[in-house]
Amino acid sequence: MEFSTILMVIGILCIVVSLFLKDTSKKLEQDFEDFSISIYQETNSLKKRLKIIEEELLLEPNFNVKPKTSSKKTIQAYKQAAQATQSKQASSTNNSQQINEILVSQVIQLNKQGYPVEEISKMSTLSKEQIISILNNGGHR
């Protein structure tokens, strides 16, 4: 036999053998695809949770808090906000035209922290007039 014929027979045998061997790259690709899908689902789940938390706190996504040490007053204000949330859920018969108690406590707290009315208006959904009214009334309606 000639050398080229031998090489051709060896090539054909290699092709036939490769058809019967398992392809491990297919399993690896499937595992990688499953992993990427699970990461995508977890990321979406976390984004949804974060959006819900932002909505509960009535904050904008780009809200930045000034770095300050927490004091007893701020802790009390957060406790009052939590109590206001619980009382709001308990009495859902309040009409939507009244300003939410959480917003009132947030406006008062932000004012105590030294934020100007314009900045408080940007952080909340209230107008400047509503914020001034809240601050003048001391949070009472």
C-alpha atoms as a PDB file:
ATOM      1  CA  MET A   1       0.000   0.000   0.000  1.00  0.00           C
ATOM      2  CA  GLU A   2       0.963   3.492  -0.603  1.00  0.00           C
ATOM      3  CA  PHE A   3       1.639   5.982   2.149  1.00  0.00           C
ATOM      4  CA  SER A   4      -1.235   8.269   1.086  1.00  0.00           C
ATOM      5  CA  THR A   5      -3.689   5.359   1.163  1.00  0.00           C
ATOM      6  CA  ILE A   6      -2.596   4.438   4.668  1.00  0.00           C
ATOM      7  CA  LEU A   7      -3.122   8.032   5.823  1.00  0.00           C
ATOM      8  CA  MET A   8      -6.559   8.092   4.183  1.00  0.00           C
ATOM      9  CA  VAL A   9      -7.604   4.829   5.929  1.00  0.00           C
ATOM     10  CA  ILE A  10      -6.353   6.159   9.296  1.00  0.00           C
ATOM     11  CA  GLY A  11      -8.330   9.402   8.745  1.00  0.00           C
ATOM     12  CA  ILE A  12     -11.531   7.515   7.958  1.00  0.00           C
ATOM     13  CA  LEU A  13     -11.051   5.302  11.036  1.00  0.00           C
ATOM     14  CA  CYS A  14     -10.569   8.410  13.214  1.00  0.00           C
ATOM     15  CA  ILE A  15     -13.802   9.925  11.875  1.00  0.00           C
ATOM     16  CA  VAL A  16     -15.751   6.713  12.503  1.00  0.00           C
ATOM     17  CA  VAL A  17     -14.334   6.378  16.039  1.00  0.00           C
ATOM     18  CA  SER A  18     -15.163  10.024  16.831  1.00  0.00           C
ATOM     19  CA  LEU A  19     -18.816   9.409  15.958  1.00  0.00           C
ATOM     20  CA  PHE A  20     -19.065   6.745  18.661  1.00  0.00           C
ATOM     21  CA  LEU A  21     -17.282   8.691  21.418  1.00  0.00           C
ATOM     22  CA  LYS A  22     -19.301  10.887  23.780  1.00  0.00           C
ATOM     23  CA  ASP A  23     -18.895  14.584  23.326  1.00  0.00           C
ATOM     24  CA  THR A  24     -18.118  16.087  26.772  1.00  0.00           C
ATOM     25  CA  SER A  25     -18.246  19.645  25.513  1.00  0.00           C
ATOM     26  CA  LYS A  26     -22.042  19.351  25.007  1.00  0.00           C
ATOM     27  CA  LYS A  27     -22.535  18.551  28.701  1.00  0.00           C
ATOM     28  CA  LEU A  28     -20.189  21.344  29.694  1.00  0.00           C
ATOM     29  CA  GLU A  29     -22.085  23.804  27.497  1.00  0.00           C
ATOM     30  CA  GLN A  30     -25.403  22.673  28.995  1.00  0.00           C
ATOM     31  CA  ASP A  31     -24.066  23.048  32.554  1.00  0.00           C
ATOM     32  CA  PHE A  32     -22.748  26.519  31.749  1.00  0.00           C
ATOM     33  CA  GLU A  33     -26.075  27.537  30.203  1.00  0.00           C
ATOM     34  CA  ASP A  34     -27.996  26.265  33.253  1.00  0.00           C
ATOM     35  CA  PHE A  35     -25.639  28.149  35.544  1.00  0.00           C
ATOM     36  CA  SER A  36     -25.993  31.403  33.607  1.00  0.00           C
ATOM     37  CA  ILE A  37     -29.789  31.082  33.595  1.00  0.00           C
ATOM     38  CA  SER A  38     -29.861  30.551  37.373  1.00  0.00           C
ATOM     39  CA  ILE A  39     -27.593  33.588  37.920  1.00  0.00           C
ATOM     40  CA  TYR A  40     -29.883  35.663  35.691  1.00  0.00           C
ATOM     41  CA  GLN A  41     -32.963  34.539  37.637  1.00  0.00           C
ATOM     42  CA  GLU A  42     -31.339  35.290  40.990  1.00  0.00           C
ATOM     43  CA  THR A  43     -30.254  38.727  39.782  1.00  0.00           C
ATOM     44  CA  ASN A  44     -33.778  39.527  38.635  1.00  0.00           C
ATOM     45  CA  SER A  45     -35.170  38.313  41.946  1.00  0.00           C
ATOM     46  CA  LEU A  46     -32.793  40.570  43.866  1.00  0.00           C
ATOM     47  CA  LYS A  47     -33.675  43.542  41.656  1.00  0.00           C
ATOM     48  CA  LYS A  48     -37.384  42.978  42.313  1.00  0.00           C
ATOM     49  CA  ARG A  49     -36.794  42.749  46.068  1.00  0.00           C
ATOM     50  CA  LEU A  50     -34.723  45.935  46.014  1.00  0.00           C
ATOM     51  CA  LYS A  51     -37.425  47.750  44.056  1.00  0.00           C
ATOM     52  CA  ILE A  52     -40.065  46.650  46.570  1.00  0.00           C
ATOM     53  CA  ILE A  53     -37.913  47.876  49.463  1.00  0.00           C
ATOM     54  CA  GLU A  54     -37.328  51.216  47.733  1.00  0.00           C
ATOM     55  CA  GLU A  55     -41.063  51.597  47.184  1.00  0.00           C
ATOM     56  CA  GLU A  56     -41.784  50.757  50.826  1.00  0.00           C
ATOM     57  CA  LEU A  57     -39.333  53.380  51.979  1.00  0.00           C
ATOM     58  CA  LEU A  58     -40.656  55.840  49.386  1.00  0.00           C
ATOM     59  CA  LEU A  59     -37.152  56.529  48.163  1.00  0.00           C
ATOM     60  CA  GLU A  60     -35.829  57.118  44.699  1.00  0.00           C
ATOM     61  CA  PRO A  61     -33.312  54.583  43.306  1.00  0.00           C
ATOM     62  CA  ASN A  62     -30.523  57.193  43.337  1.00  0.00           C
ATOM     63  CA  PHE A  63     -31.168  58.251  46.935  1.00  0.00           C
ATOM     64  CA  ASN A  64     -27.975  59.019  48.859  1.00  0.00           C
ATOM     65  CA  VAL A  65     -27.811  59.407  52.618  1.00  0.00           C
ATOM     66  CA  LYS A  66     -25.328  61.798  54.140  1.00  0.00           C
ATOM     67  CA  PRO A  67     -22.853  59.856  56.265  1.00  0.00           C
ATOM     68  CA  LYS A  68     -23.561  60.703  59.897  1.00  0.00           C
ATOM     69  CA  THR A  69     -23.284  58.806  63.102  1.00  0.00           C
ATOM     70  CA  SER A  70     -26.611  57.445  64.282  1.00  0.00           C
ATOM     71  CA  SER A  71     -27.968  59.040  67.395  1.00  0.00           C
ATOM     72  CA  LYS A  72     -30.831  58.238  69.700  1.00  0.00           C
ATOM     73  CA  LYS A  73     -33.016  60.786  67.895  1.00  0.00           C
ATOM     74  CA  THR A  74     -32.594  59.101  64.522  1.00  0.00           C
ATOM     75  CA  ILE A  75     -33.261  55.676  66.012  1.00  0.00           C
ATOM     76  CA  GLN A  76     -36.440  57.026  67.626  1.00  0.00           C
ATOM     77  CA  ALA A  77     -37.482  58.573  64.333  1.00  0.00           C
ATOM     78  CA  TYR A  78     -37.034  55.254  62.561  1.00  0.00           C
ATOM     79  CA  LYS A  79     -39.055  53.521  65.268  1.00  0.00           C
ATOM     80  CA  GLN A  80     -41.789  56.127  64.845  1.00  0.00           C
ATOM     81  CA  ALA A  81     -41.739  55.555  61.093  1.00  0.00           C
ATOM     82  CA  ALA A  82     -42.105  51.805  61.653  1.00  0.00           C
ATOM     83  CA  GLN A  83     -45.008  52.391  64.052  1.00  0.00           C
ATOM     84  CA  ALA A  84     -46.591  54.700  61.514  1.00  0.00           C
ATOM     85  CA  THR A  85     -46.294  51.975  58.894  1.00  0.00           C
ATOM     86  CA  GLN A  86     -47.981  49.471  61.178  1.00  0.00           C
ATOM     87  CA  SER A  87     -50.778  51.869  62.058  1.00  0.00           C
ATOM     88  CA  LYS A  88     -51.237  52.705  58.364  1.00  0.00           C
ATOM     89  CA  GLN A  89     -51.626  49.033  57.530  1.00  0.00           C
ATOM     90  CA  ALA A  90     -54.070  48.585  60.391  1.00  0.00           C
ATOM     91  CA  SER A  91     -56.229  51.512  59.329  1.00  0.00           C
ATOM     92  CA  SER A  92     -56.342  51.322  55.553  1.00  0.00           C
ATOM     93  CA  THR A  93     -59.558  53.382  55.477  1.00  0.00           C
ATOM     94  CA  ASN A  94     -57.670  56.700  55.363  1.00  0.00           C
ATOM     95  CA  ASN A  95     -58.226  58.510  52.104  1.00  0.00           C
ATOM     96  CA  SER A  96     -55.333  58.984  49.707  1.00  0.00           C
ATOM     97  CA  GLN A  97     -55.543  62.781  49.754  1.00  0.00           C
ATOM     98  CA  GLN A  98     -54.028  62.964  53.223  1.00  0.00           C
ATOM     99  CA  ILE A  99     -50.252  62.867  53.445  1.00  0.00           C
ATOM    100  CA  ASN A 100     -48.873  59.522  54.555  1.00  0.00           C
ATOM    101  CA  GLU A 101     -47.600  59.411  58.158  1.00  0.00           C
ATOM    102  CA  ILE A 102     -44.336  57.863  56.995  1.00  0.00           C
ATOM    103  CA  LEU A 103     -43.740  60.810  54.690  1.00  0.00           C
ATOM    104  CA  VAL A 104     -44.501  63.226  57.506  1.00  0.00           C
ATOM    105  CA  SER A 105     -42.007  61.565  59.843  1.00  0.00           C
ATOM    106  CA  GLN A 106     -39.396  61.369  57.062  1.00  0.00           C
ATOM    107  CA  VAL A 107     -39.830  65.066  56.245  1.00  0.00           C
ATOM    108  CA  ILE A 108     -39.465  66.023  59.904  1.00  0.00           C
ATOM    109  CA  GLN A 109     -36.418  63.786  60.342  1.00  0.00           C
ATOM    110  CA  LEU A 110     -34.712  65.071  57.191  1.00  0.00           C
ATOM    111  CA  ASN A 111     -35.364  68.634  58.307  1.00  0.00           C
ATOM    112  CA  LYS A 112     -33.801  67.862  61.697  1.00  0.00           C
ATOM    113  CA  GLN A 113     -30.762  66.473  59.885  1.00  0.00           C
ATOM    114  CA  GLY A 114     -30.317  69.806  58.127  1.00  0.00           C
ATOM    115  CA  TYR A 115     -31.642  69.096  54.646  1.00  0.00           C
ATOM    116  CA  PRO A 116     -33.191  72.126  52.892  1.00  0.00           C
ATOM    117  CA  VAL A 117     -36.820  72.036  51.749  1.00  0.00           C
ATOM    118  CA  GLU A 118     -35.832  71.789  48.065  1.00  0.00           C
ATOM    119  CA  GLU A 119     -33.711  68.690  48.684  1.00  0.00           C
ATOM    120  CA  ILE A 120     -36.420  67.062  50.813  1.00  0.00           C
ATOM    121  CA  SER A 121     -38.860  67.717  47.965  1.00  0.00           C
ATOM    122  CA  LYS A 122     -36.527  65.958  45.525  1.00  0.00           C
ATOM    123  CA  MET A 123     -36.196  62.937  47.838  1.00  0.00           C
ATOM    124  CA  SER A 124     -39.907  62.581  48.507  1.00  0.00           C
ATOM    125  CA  THR A 125     -43.027  62.770  46.386  1.00  0.00           C
ATOM    126  CA  LEU A 126     -44.247  65.915  48.101  1.00  0.00           C
ATOM    127  CA  SER A 127     -44.235  69.479  46.831  1.00  0.00           C
ATOM    128  CA  LYS A 128     -42.378  72.282  48.584  1.00  0.00           C
ATOM    129  CA  GLU A 129     -45.676  73.721  49.844  1.00  0.00           C
ATOM    130  CA  GLN A 130     -46.663  70.405  51.411  1.00  0.00           C
ATOM    131  CA  ILE A 131     -43.279  70.095  53.092  1.00  0.00           C
ATOM    132  CA  ILE A 132     -43.484  73.632  54.479  1.00  0.00           C
ATOM    133  CA  SER A 133     -47.008  72.893  55.720  1.00  0.00           C
ATOM    134  CA  ILE A 134     -45.801  69.737  57.470  1.00  0.00           C
ATOM    135  CA  LEU A 135     -42.895  71.565  59.102  1.00  0.00           C
ATOM    136  CA  ASN A 136     -45.111  74.468  60.213  1.00  0.00           C
ATOM    137  CA  ASN A 137     -47.683  72.111  61.737  1.00  0.00           C
ATOM    138  CA  GLY A 138     -45.007  69.973  63.364  1.00  0.00           C
ATOM    139  CA  GLY A 139     -46.418  66.881  61.690  1.00  0.00           C
ATOM    140  CA  HIS A 140     -49.974  67.399  62.978  1.00  0.00           C
ATOM    141  CA  ARG A 141     -52.872  67.706  60.588  1.00  0.00           C
END
